[in-house]
C-alpha atoms as a PDB file:
ATOM      1  CA  MET A   1      36.649 -16.886  31.867  1.00  0.00           C
ATOM      2  CA  LYS A   2      33.931 -15.082  29.941  1.00  0.00           C
ATOM      3  CA  PRO A   3      31.081 -17.179  28.560  1.00  0.00           C
ATOM      4  CA  ARG A   4      31.158 -17.720  24.815  1.00  0.00           C
ATOM      5  CA  LYS A   5      29.056 -15.223  22.857  1.00  0.00           C
ATOM      6  CA  TYR A   6      27.193 -16.130  19.699  1.00  0.00           C
ATOM      7  CA  ARG A   7      26.766 -13.601  16.911  1.00  0.00           C
ATOM      8  CA  LEU A   8      23.364 -13.003  15.390  1.00  0.00           C
ATOM      9  CA  ARG A   9      23.388 -10.644  12.435  1.00  0.00           C
ATOM     10  CA  ILE A  10      20.162  -8.969  11.479  1.00  0.00           C
ATOM     11  CA  ARG A  11      19.190  -6.324   8.960  1.00  0.00           C
ATOM     12  CA  LEU A  12      16.911  -3.735  10.482  1.00  0.00           C
ATOM     13  CA  HIS A  13      13.919  -1.991   8.990  1.00  0.00           C
ATOM     14  CA  ARG A  14      14.686   1.674   8.400  1.00  0.00           C
ATOM     15  CA  LYS A  15      12.159   2.870  11.018  1.00  0.00           C
ATOM     16  CA  ILE A  16      13.711   0.701  13.723  1.00  0.00           C
ATOM     17  CA  TYR A  17      17.192   1.703  12.608  1.00  0.00           C
ATOM     18  CA  ASP A  18      16.288   5.419  12.586  1.00  0.00           C
ATOM     19  CA  LEU A  19      14.901   5.293  16.141  1.00  0.00           C
ATOM     20  CA  LEU A  20      17.965   3.398  17.359  1.00  0.00           C
ATOM     21  CA  GLU A  21      20.219   5.843  15.533  1.00  0.00           C
ATOM     22  CA  MET A  22      18.582   8.887  17.178  1.00  0.00           C
ATOM     23  CA  GLU A  23      18.708   7.313  20.639  1.00  0.00           C
ATOM     24  CA  ALA A  24      22.315   6.174  20.166  1.00  0.00           C
ATOM     25  CA  LEU A  25      23.286   9.685  19.121  1.00  0.00           C
ATOM     26  CA  TRP A  26      21.569  11.113  22.206  1.00  0.00           C
ATOM     27  CA  GLN A  27      23.336   8.560  24.432  1.00  0.00           C
ATOM     28  CA  ASP A  28      26.663   9.074  22.638  1.00  0.00           C
ATOM     29  CA  SER A  29      26.730   5.390  21.772  1.00  0.00           C
ATOM     30  CA  LYS A  30      26.775   3.150  18.717  1.00  0.00           C
ATOM     31  CA  ILE A  31      23.665   1.639  17.168  1.00  0.00           C
ATOM     32  CA  GLY A  32      24.932  -1.915  17.622  1.00  0.00           C
ATOM     33  CA  THR A  33      25.727  -1.272  21.278  1.00  0.00           C
ATOM     34  CA  LEU A  34      22.247   0.125  21.883  1.00  0.00           C
ATOM     35  CA  ALA A  35      20.555  -2.746  19.996  1.00  0.00           C
ATOM     36  CA  ASN A  36      22.554  -5.236  22.071  1.00  0.00           C
ATOM     37  CA  ARG A  37      21.584  -3.512  25.325  1.00  0.00           C
ATOM     38  CA  ILE A  38      17.902  -3.533  24.352  1.00  0.00           C
ATOM     39  CA  LEU A  39      18.041  -7.206  23.374  1.00  0.00           C
ATOM     40  CA  GLN A  40      19.762  -8.056  26.681  1.00  0.00           C
ATOM     41  CA  GLU A  41      17.049  -6.183  28.628  1.00  0.00           C
ATOM     42  CA  GLU A  42      14.240  -7.924  26.758  1.00  0.00           C
ATOM     43  CA  LEU A  43      15.789 -11.372  27.115  1.00  0.00           C
ATOM     44  CA  ALA A  44      16.195 -10.749  30.858  1.00  0.00           C
ATOM     45  CA  ARG A  45      12.494  -9.783  31.105  1.00  0.00           C
ATOM     46  CA  LEU A  46      11.450 -12.833  29.109  1.00  0.00           C
ATOM     47  CA  ARG A  47      13.626 -15.123  31.222  1.00  0.00           C
ATOM     48  CA  GLN A  48      12.207 -13.544  34.394  1.00  0.00           C
ATOM     49  CA  VAL A  49       8.562 -14.258  33.498  1.00  0.00           C
ATOM     50  CA  GLY A  50       9.320 -17.494  31.640  1.00  0.00           C
ATOM     51  CA  LEU A  51       8.143 -18.779  28.286  1.00  0.00           C
ATOM     52  CA  ASP A  52       4.977 -20.124  29.888  1.00  0.00           C
ATOM     53  CA  HIS A  53       3.969 -16.496  30.515  1.00  0.00           C
ATOM     54  CA  CYS A  54       4.896 -15.271  27.050  1.00  0.00           C
ATOM     55  CA  VAL A  55       1.842 -14.283  25.011  1.00  0.00           C
ATOM     56  CA  CYS A  56       1.922 -13.696  21.299  1.00  0.00           C
ATOM     57  CA  GLY A  57       0.080 -10.595  20.155  1.00  0.00           C
ATOM     58  CA  ASP A  58      -1.984 -12.764  17.800  1.00  0.00           C
ATOM     59  CA  GLU A  59      -3.528 -14.872  20.540  1.00  0.00           C
ATOM     60  CA  ASP A  60      -7.278 -14.584  20.705  1.00  0.00           C
ATOM     61  CA  ALA A  61      -8.331 -11.645  22.885  1.00  0.00           C
ATOM     62  CA  ALA A  62     -10.760 -13.963  24.695  1.00  0.00           C
ATOM     63  CA  SER A  63      -8.105 -16.555  25.548  1.00  0.00           C
ATOM     64  CA  ALA A  64      -7.478 -17.114  29.237  1.00  0.00           C
ATOM     65  CA  ARG A  65      -3.763 -16.283  28.900  1.00  0.00           C
ATOM     66  CA  ARG A  66      -4.493 -13.034  27.083  1.00  0.00           C
ATOM     67  CA  ILE A  67      -7.055 -11.959  29.721  1.00  0.00           C
ATOM     68  CA  GLU A  68      -4.639 -12.882  32.515  1.00  0.00           C
ATOM     69  CA  ALA A  69      -1.830 -10.944  30.774  1.00  0.00           C
ATOM     70  CA  GLU A  70      -4.023  -7.829  30.646  1.00  0.00           C
ATOM     71  CA  LYS A  71      -4.870  -8.149  34.348  1.00  0.00           C
ATOM     72  CA  HIS A  72      -1.249  -8.757  35.434  1.00  0.00           C
ATOM     73  CA  PRO A  73       1.065  -7.221  32.801  1.00  0.00           C
ATOM     74  CA  GLU A  74       4.072  -7.406  35.133  1.00  0.00           C
ATOM     75  CA  SER A  75       3.802 -11.211  35.166  1.00  0.00           C
ATOM     76  CA  TYR A  76       3.554 -11.666  31.393  1.00  0.00           C
ATOM     77  CA  TYR A  77       5.587 -10.853  28.331  1.00  0.00           C
ATOM     78  CA  VAL A  78       3.318  -9.887  25.411  1.00  0.00           C
ATOM     79  CA  LEU A  79       5.038  -9.980  22.045  1.00  0.00           C
ATOM     80  CA  PRO A  80       3.813  -7.784  19.176  1.00  0.00           C
ATOM     81  CA  SER A  81       1.515  -9.447  16.660  1.00  0.00           C
ATOM     82  CA  PHE A  82       3.023 -11.294  13.717  1.00  0.00           C
ATOM     83  CA  ASP A  83       1.543  -8.691  11.359  1.00  0.00           C
ATOM     84  CA  CYS A  84       3.326  -5.962  13.303  1.00  0.00           C
ATOM     85  CA  ARG A  85       6.602  -7.876  13.173  1.00  0.00           C
ATOM     86  CA  GLU A  86       6.103  -8.574   9.473  1.00  0.00           C
ATOM     87  CA  LYS A  87       5.574  -4.851   8.906  1.00  0.00           C
ATOM     88  CA  TYR A  88       9.012  -4.141  10.388  1.00  0.00           C
ATOM     89  CA  MET A  89      10.870  -6.942   8.656  1.00  0.00           C
ATOM     90  CA  PRO A  90      13.197  -5.593   5.982  1.00  0.00           C
ATOM     91  CA  THR A  91      12.705  -6.914   2.479  1.00  0.00           C
ATOM     92  CA  HIS A  92      15.279  -9.341   1.166  1.00  0.00           C
ATOM     93  CA  GLY A  93      18.608  -7.862   0.209  1.00  0.00           C
ATOM     94  CA  ARG A  94      19.024  -4.140   0.276  1.00  0.00           C
ATOM     95  CA  GLY A  95      15.449  -2.999  -0.271  1.00  0.00           C
ATOM     96  CA  LEU A  96      14.203   0.523   0.288  1.00  0.00           C
ATOM     97  CA  ASP A  97      13.008  -0.352   3.786  1.00  0.00           C
ATOM     98  CA  THR A  98      16.388  -1.747   4.883  1.00  0.00           C
ATOM     99  CA  LYS A  99      18.767   0.727   6.432  1.00  0.00           C
ATOM    100  CA  GLY A 100      21.508  -1.194   8.183  1.00  0.00           C
ATOM    101  CA  GLN A 101      22.685  -4.357   9.821  1.00  0.00           C
ATOM    102  CA  VAL A 102      23.693  -4.972  13.423  1.00  0.00           C
ATOM    103  CA  THR A 103      25.483  -7.867  15.061  1.00  0.00           C
ATOM    104  CA  LEU A 104      23.881  -8.958  18.304  1.00  0.00           C
ATOM    105  CA  LEU A 105      25.859 -10.950  20.860  1.00  0.00           C
ATOM    106  CA  VAL A 106      24.089 -13.534  23.010  1.00  0.00           C
ATOM    107  CA  THR A 107      25.224 -16.208  25.450  1.00  0.00           C
ATOM    108  CA  ALA A 108      24.422 -19.898  24.995  1.00  0.00           C
ATOM    109  CA  GLU A 109      21.642 -19.592  27.596  1.00  0.00           C
ATOM    110  CA  GLN A 110      20.110 -16.612  25.780  1.00  0.00           C
ATOM    111  CA  LEU A 111      20.384 -18.413  22.446  1.00  0.00           C
ATOM    112  CA  GLN A 112      18.504 -21.374  23.975  1.00  0.00           C
ATOM    113  CA  LEU A 113      15.771 -18.974  25.120  1.00  0.00           C
ATOM    114  CA  ILE A 114      15.463 -17.457  21.629  1.00  0.00           C
ATOM    115  CA  ASP A 115      15.462 -20.958  20.152  1.00  0.00           C
ATOM    116  CA  ALA A 116      12.697 -22.065  22.536  1.00  0.00           C
ATOM    117  CA  LEU A 117      10.675 -18.989  21.531  1.00  0.00           C
ATOM    118  CA  PHE A 118      11.312 -19.885  17.889  1.00  0.00           C
ATOM    119  CA  ASP A 119      10.107 -23.460  18.436  1.00  0.00           C
ATOM    120  CA  ARG A 120       7.013 -22.175  20.194  1.00  0.00           C
ATOM    121  CA  GLU A 121       6.120 -19.844  17.329  1.00  0.00           C
ATOM    122  CA  SER A 122       7.321 -21.962  14.394  1.00  0.00           C
ATOM    123  CA  GLY A 123       3.804 -23.016  13.419  1.00  0.00           C
ATOM    124  CA  CYS A 124       2.622 -19.430  13.168  1.00  0.00           C
ATOM    125  CA  VAL A 125       5.439 -17.325  11.738  1.00  0.00           C
ATOM    126  CA  ARG A 126       5.992 -17.330   7.993  1.00  0.00           C
ATOM    127  CA  GLY A 127       9.346 -17.974   6.309  1.00  0.00           C
ATOM    128  CA  LEU A 128      11.277 -19.336   9.236  1.00  0.00           C
ATOM    129  CA  TYR A 129      13.124 -22.178   7.594  1.00  0.00           C
ATOM    130  CA  SER A 130      15.311 -21.932   4.565  1.00  0.00           C
ATOM    131  CA  GLU A 131      17.144 -24.701   2.769  1.00  0.00           C
ATOM    132  CA  SER A 132      20.858 -24.175   2.386  1.00  0.00           C
ATOM    133  CA  GLN A 133      22.799 -26.951   0.679  1.00  0.00           C
ATOM    134  CA  GLY A 134      20.411 -29.586   1.965  1.00  0.00           C
ATOM    135  CA  GLN A 135      20.382 -28.231   5.522  1.00  0.00           C
ATOM    136  CA  THR A 136      17.560 -26.544   7.358  1.00  0.00           C
ATOM    137  CA  VAL A 137      18.598 -23.214   8.835  1.00  0.00           C
ATOM    138  CA  LYS A 138      16.681 -21.372  11.529  1.00  0.00           C
ATOM    139  CA  SER A 139      16.209 -17.657  11.242  1.00  0.00           C
ATOM    140  CA  TYR A 140      15.505 -15.853  14.518  1.00  0.00           C
ATOM    141  CA  ARG A 141      14.679 -12.549  12.841  1.00  0.00           C
ATOM    142  CA  TYR A 142      10.972 -12.576  13.734  1.00  0.00           C
ATOM    143  CA  GLN A 143      11.755 -13.298  17.375  1.00  0.00           C
ATOM    144  CA  ILE A 144      14.475 -10.649  17.536  1.00  0.00           C
ATOM    145  CA  VAL A 145      12.298  -7.995  15.890  1.00  0.00           C
ATOM    146  CA  GLY A 146       9.509  -8.921  18.323  1.00  0.00           C
ATOM    147  CA  LEU A 147      11.848  -8.556  21.291  1.00  0.00           C
ATOM    148  CA  LEU A 148      13.150  -5.202  20.033  1.00  0.00           C
ATOM    149  CA  LEU A 149       9.624  -3.875  19.369  1.00  0.00           C
ATOM    150  CA  HIS A 150       8.592  -4.860  22.906  1.00  0.00           C
ATOM    151  CA  ASN A 151      11.103  -2.387  24.369  1.00  0.00           C
ATOM    152  CA  PRO A 152       9.610   0.972  25.455  1.00  0.00           C
ATOM    153  CA  LEU A 153      11.961   2.810  23.077  1.00  0.00           C
ATOM    154  CA  LEU A 154      10.392   1.088  20.063  1.00  0.00           C
ATOM    155  CA  GLN A 155       6.847   0.360  21.303  1.00  0.00           C
ATOM    156  CA  GLU A 156       5.504   3.429  19.531  1.00  0.00           C
ATOM    157  CA  LEU A 157       6.075   1.638  16.235  1.00  0.00           C
ATOM    158  CA  GLN A 158       3.462  -0.956  17.226  1.00  0.00           C
ATOM    159  CA  LYS A 159       0.809   1.786  17.138  1.00  0.00           C
ATOM    160  CA  GLN A 160       1.615   2.978  13.618  1.00  0.00           C
END
Protein backbone atom coordinates (compact mmCIF):
# COMPACT_ATOMS: atom_id res chain seq x y z
CA MET A 1 0.00 0.00 0.00
CA LYS A 2 1.31 3.42 -0.96
CA PRO A 3 1.94 5.90 1.85
CA ARG A 4 -0.60 8.70 2.11
CA LYS A 5 0.44 11.89 0.30
CA TYR A 6 -0.41 15.34 1.56
CA ARG A 7 -1.10 18.17 -0.87
CA LEU A 8 0.61 21.51 -0.44
CA ARG A 9 -0.56 24.16 -2.86
CA ILE A 10 1.69 27.12 -3.47
CA ARG A 11 1.60 30.08 -5.82
CA LEU A 12 4.95 30.66 -7.45
CA HIS A 13 6.71 33.90 -8.23
CA ARG A 14 6.83 34.46 -11.98
CA LYS A 15 10.65 34.12 -12.14
CA ILE A 16 10.57 30.73 -10.42
CA TYR A 17 7.62 29.66 -12.55
CA ASP A 18 9.33 30.79 -15.78
CA LEU A 19 12.51 28.82 -15.00
CA LEU A 20 10.48 25.73 -14.11
CA GLU A 21 8.41 26.17 -17.25
CA MET A 22 11.49 26.34 -19.51
CA GLU A 23 13.09 23.31 -17.85
CA ALA A 24 9.84 21.33 -17.95
CA LEU A 25 9.49 22.10 -21.64
CA TRP A 26 13.06 20.94 -22.26
CA GLN A 27 12.42 17.74 -20.27
CA ASP A 28 9.02 17.22 -21.93
CA SER A 29 7.38 17.29 -18.52
CA LYS A 30 4.81 19.31 -16.60
CA ILE A 31 5.69 22.17 -14.28
CA GLY A 32 4.03 20.51 -11.29
CA THR A 33 5.90 17.27 -11.93
CA LEU A 34 9.22 19.11 -12.10
CA ALA A 35 8.46 21.16 -8.96
CA ASN A 36 7.57 17.95 -7.12
CA ARG A 37 10.79 16.26 -8.24
CA ILE A 38 12.87 19.24 -7.10
CA LEU A 39 11.11 19.36 -3.74
CA GLN A 40 11.66 15.60 -3.28
CA GLU A 41 15.39 16.00 -4.06
CA GLU A 42 15.78 18.89 -1.64
CA LEU A 43 13.88 17.15 1.15
CA ALA A 44 16.08 14.07 0.66
CA ARG A 45 19.22 16.26 0.95
CA LEU A 46 17.87 17.98 4.04
CA ARG A 47 16.93 14.67 5.64
CA GLN A 48 20.38 13.28 4.80
CA VAL A 49 22.29 16.07 6.58
CA GLY A 50 19.66 16.57 9.28
CA LEU A 51 18.07 19.71 10.67
CA ASP A 52 20.99 20.16 13.05
CA HIS A 53 23.16 20.84 9.98
CA CYS A 54 20.68 23.18 8.31
CA VAL A 55 21.94 26.77 8.23
CA CYS A 56 19.75 29.71 7.42
CA GLY A 57 21.27 32.19 5.01
CA ASP A 58 20.70 34.95 7.57
CA GLU A 59 22.92 33.42 10.23
CA ASP A 60 25.84 35.59 11.16
CA ALA A 61 28.81 34.97 8.85
CA ALA A 62 31.04 34.67 11.93
CA SER A 63 28.88 32.00 13.58
CA ALA A 64 30.55 28.65 14.14
CA ARG A 65 27.87 26.80 12.15
CA ARG A 66 28.21 29.16 9.20
CA ILE A 67 32.02 28.80 9.16
CA GLU A 68 31.72 25.02 9.43
CA ALA A 69 29.15 24.98 6.60
CA GLU A 70 31.56 26.88 4.34
CA LYS A 71 34.38 24.45 5.14
CA HIS A 72 32.23 21.32 4.63
CA PRO A 73 29.35 22.22 2.28
CA GLU A 74 28.55 18.55 1.63
CA SER A 75 27.67 18.11 5.32
CA TYR A 76 25.39 21.14 5.60
CA TYR A 77 22.24 22.43 3.99
CA VAL A 78 22.36 26.24 3.62
CA LEU A 79 19.00 27.82 2.96
CA PRO A 80 18.74 31.14 1.10
CA SER A 81 18.39 34.24 3.25
CA PHE A 82 14.93 35.35 4.33
CA ASP A 83 15.30 38.49 2.20
CA CYS A 84 15.98 36.31 -0.83
CA ARG A 85 12.96 34.14 -0.07
CA GLU A 86 10.83 37.23 0.52
CA LYS A 87 11.93 38.56 -2.87
CA TYR A 88 10.54 35.44 -4.55
CA MET A 89 7.31 35.24 -2.60
CA PRO A 90 4.34 36.14 -4.78
CA THR A 91 2.15 38.97 -3.59
CA HIS A 92 -1.24 38.08 -2.19
CA GLY A 93 -3.84 37.04 -4.71
CA ARG A 94 -3.04 37.31 -8.36
CA GLY A 95 -0.43 40.07 -8.33
CA LEU A 96 1.83 40.92 -11.23
CA ASP A 97 4.62 38.77 -9.81
CA THR A 98 2.43 35.66 -9.50
CA LYS A 99 2.36 33.39 -12.51
CA GLY A 100 0.89 30.07 -11.46
CA GLN A 101 0.14 27.60 -8.74
CA VAL A 102 1.46 24.07 -8.26
CA THR A 103 0.33 21.27 -5.99
CA LEU A 104 3.20 19.53 -4.25
CA LEU A 105 2.77 16.03 -2.84
CA VAL A 106 4.65 15.02 0.30
CA THR A 107 4.57 12.02 2.61
CA ALA A 108 3.81 12.29 6.33
CA GLU A 109 7.54 11.98 7.09
CA GLN A 110 8.39 14.79 4.65
CA LEU A 111 5.61 16.95 6.06
CA GLN A 112 7.08 16.44 9.55
CA LEU A 113 10.48 17.56 8.23
CA ILE A 114 8.98 20.71 6.68
CA ASP A 115 7.06 21.33 9.90
CA ALA A 116 10.24 20.96 11.97
CA LEU A 117 11.97 23.44 9.65
CA PHE A 118 9.00 25.77 10.07
CA ASP A 119 9.19 25.52 13.87
CA ARG A 120 12.91 26.21 13.75
CA GLU A 121 12.46 29.35 11.65
CA SER A 122 9.15 30.59 13.09
CA GLY A 123 10.81 33.32 15.15
CA CYS A 124 12.55 34.78 12.12
CA VAL A 125 10.21 34.52 9.14
CA ARG A 126 7.49 37.11 8.74
CA GLY A 127 3.81 36.31 8.18
CA LEU A 128 3.82 32.65 9.03
CA TYR A 129 0.64 32.38 11.03
CA SER A 130 -2.77 33.47 9.91
CA GLU A 131 -6.01 33.35 11.83
CA SER A 132 -8.81 31.48 10.13
CA GLN A 133 -12.09 31.23 12.03
CA GLY A 134 -10.30 31.26 15.36
CA GLN A 135 -7.69 28.70 14.31
CA THR A 136 -4.00 29.22 13.73
CA VAL A 137 -2.89 27.95 10.34
CA LYS A 138 0.71 27.28 9.37
CA SER A 139 1.94 28.36 5.99
CA TYR A 140 5.00 26.49 4.71
CA ARG A 141 5.51 28.81 1.75
CA TYR A 142 8.77 30.34 3.01
CA GLN A 143 10.24 26.91 3.67
CA ILE A 144 9.11 25.55 0.30
CA VAL A 145 10.45 28.56 -1.61
CA GLY A 146 13.73 28.19 0.30
CA LEU A 147 13.96 24.52 -0.61
CA LEU A 148 13.19 25.23 -4.27
CA LEU A 149 15.74 28.08 -4.44
CA HIS A 150 18.40 25.78 -2.97
CA ASN A 151 18.18 23.50 -6.02
CA PRO A 152 20.91 24.07 -8.65
CA LEU A 153 18.24 24.79 -11.28
CA LEU A 154 17.03 27.83 -9.34
CA GLN A 155 20.18 28.89 -7.44
CA GLU A 156 20.94 31.56 -10.03
CA LEU A 157 17.97 33.52 -8.72
CA GLN A 158 19.75 33.92 -5.37
CA LYS A 159 22.42 36.01 -7.12
CA GLN A 160 19.99 38.46 -8.72
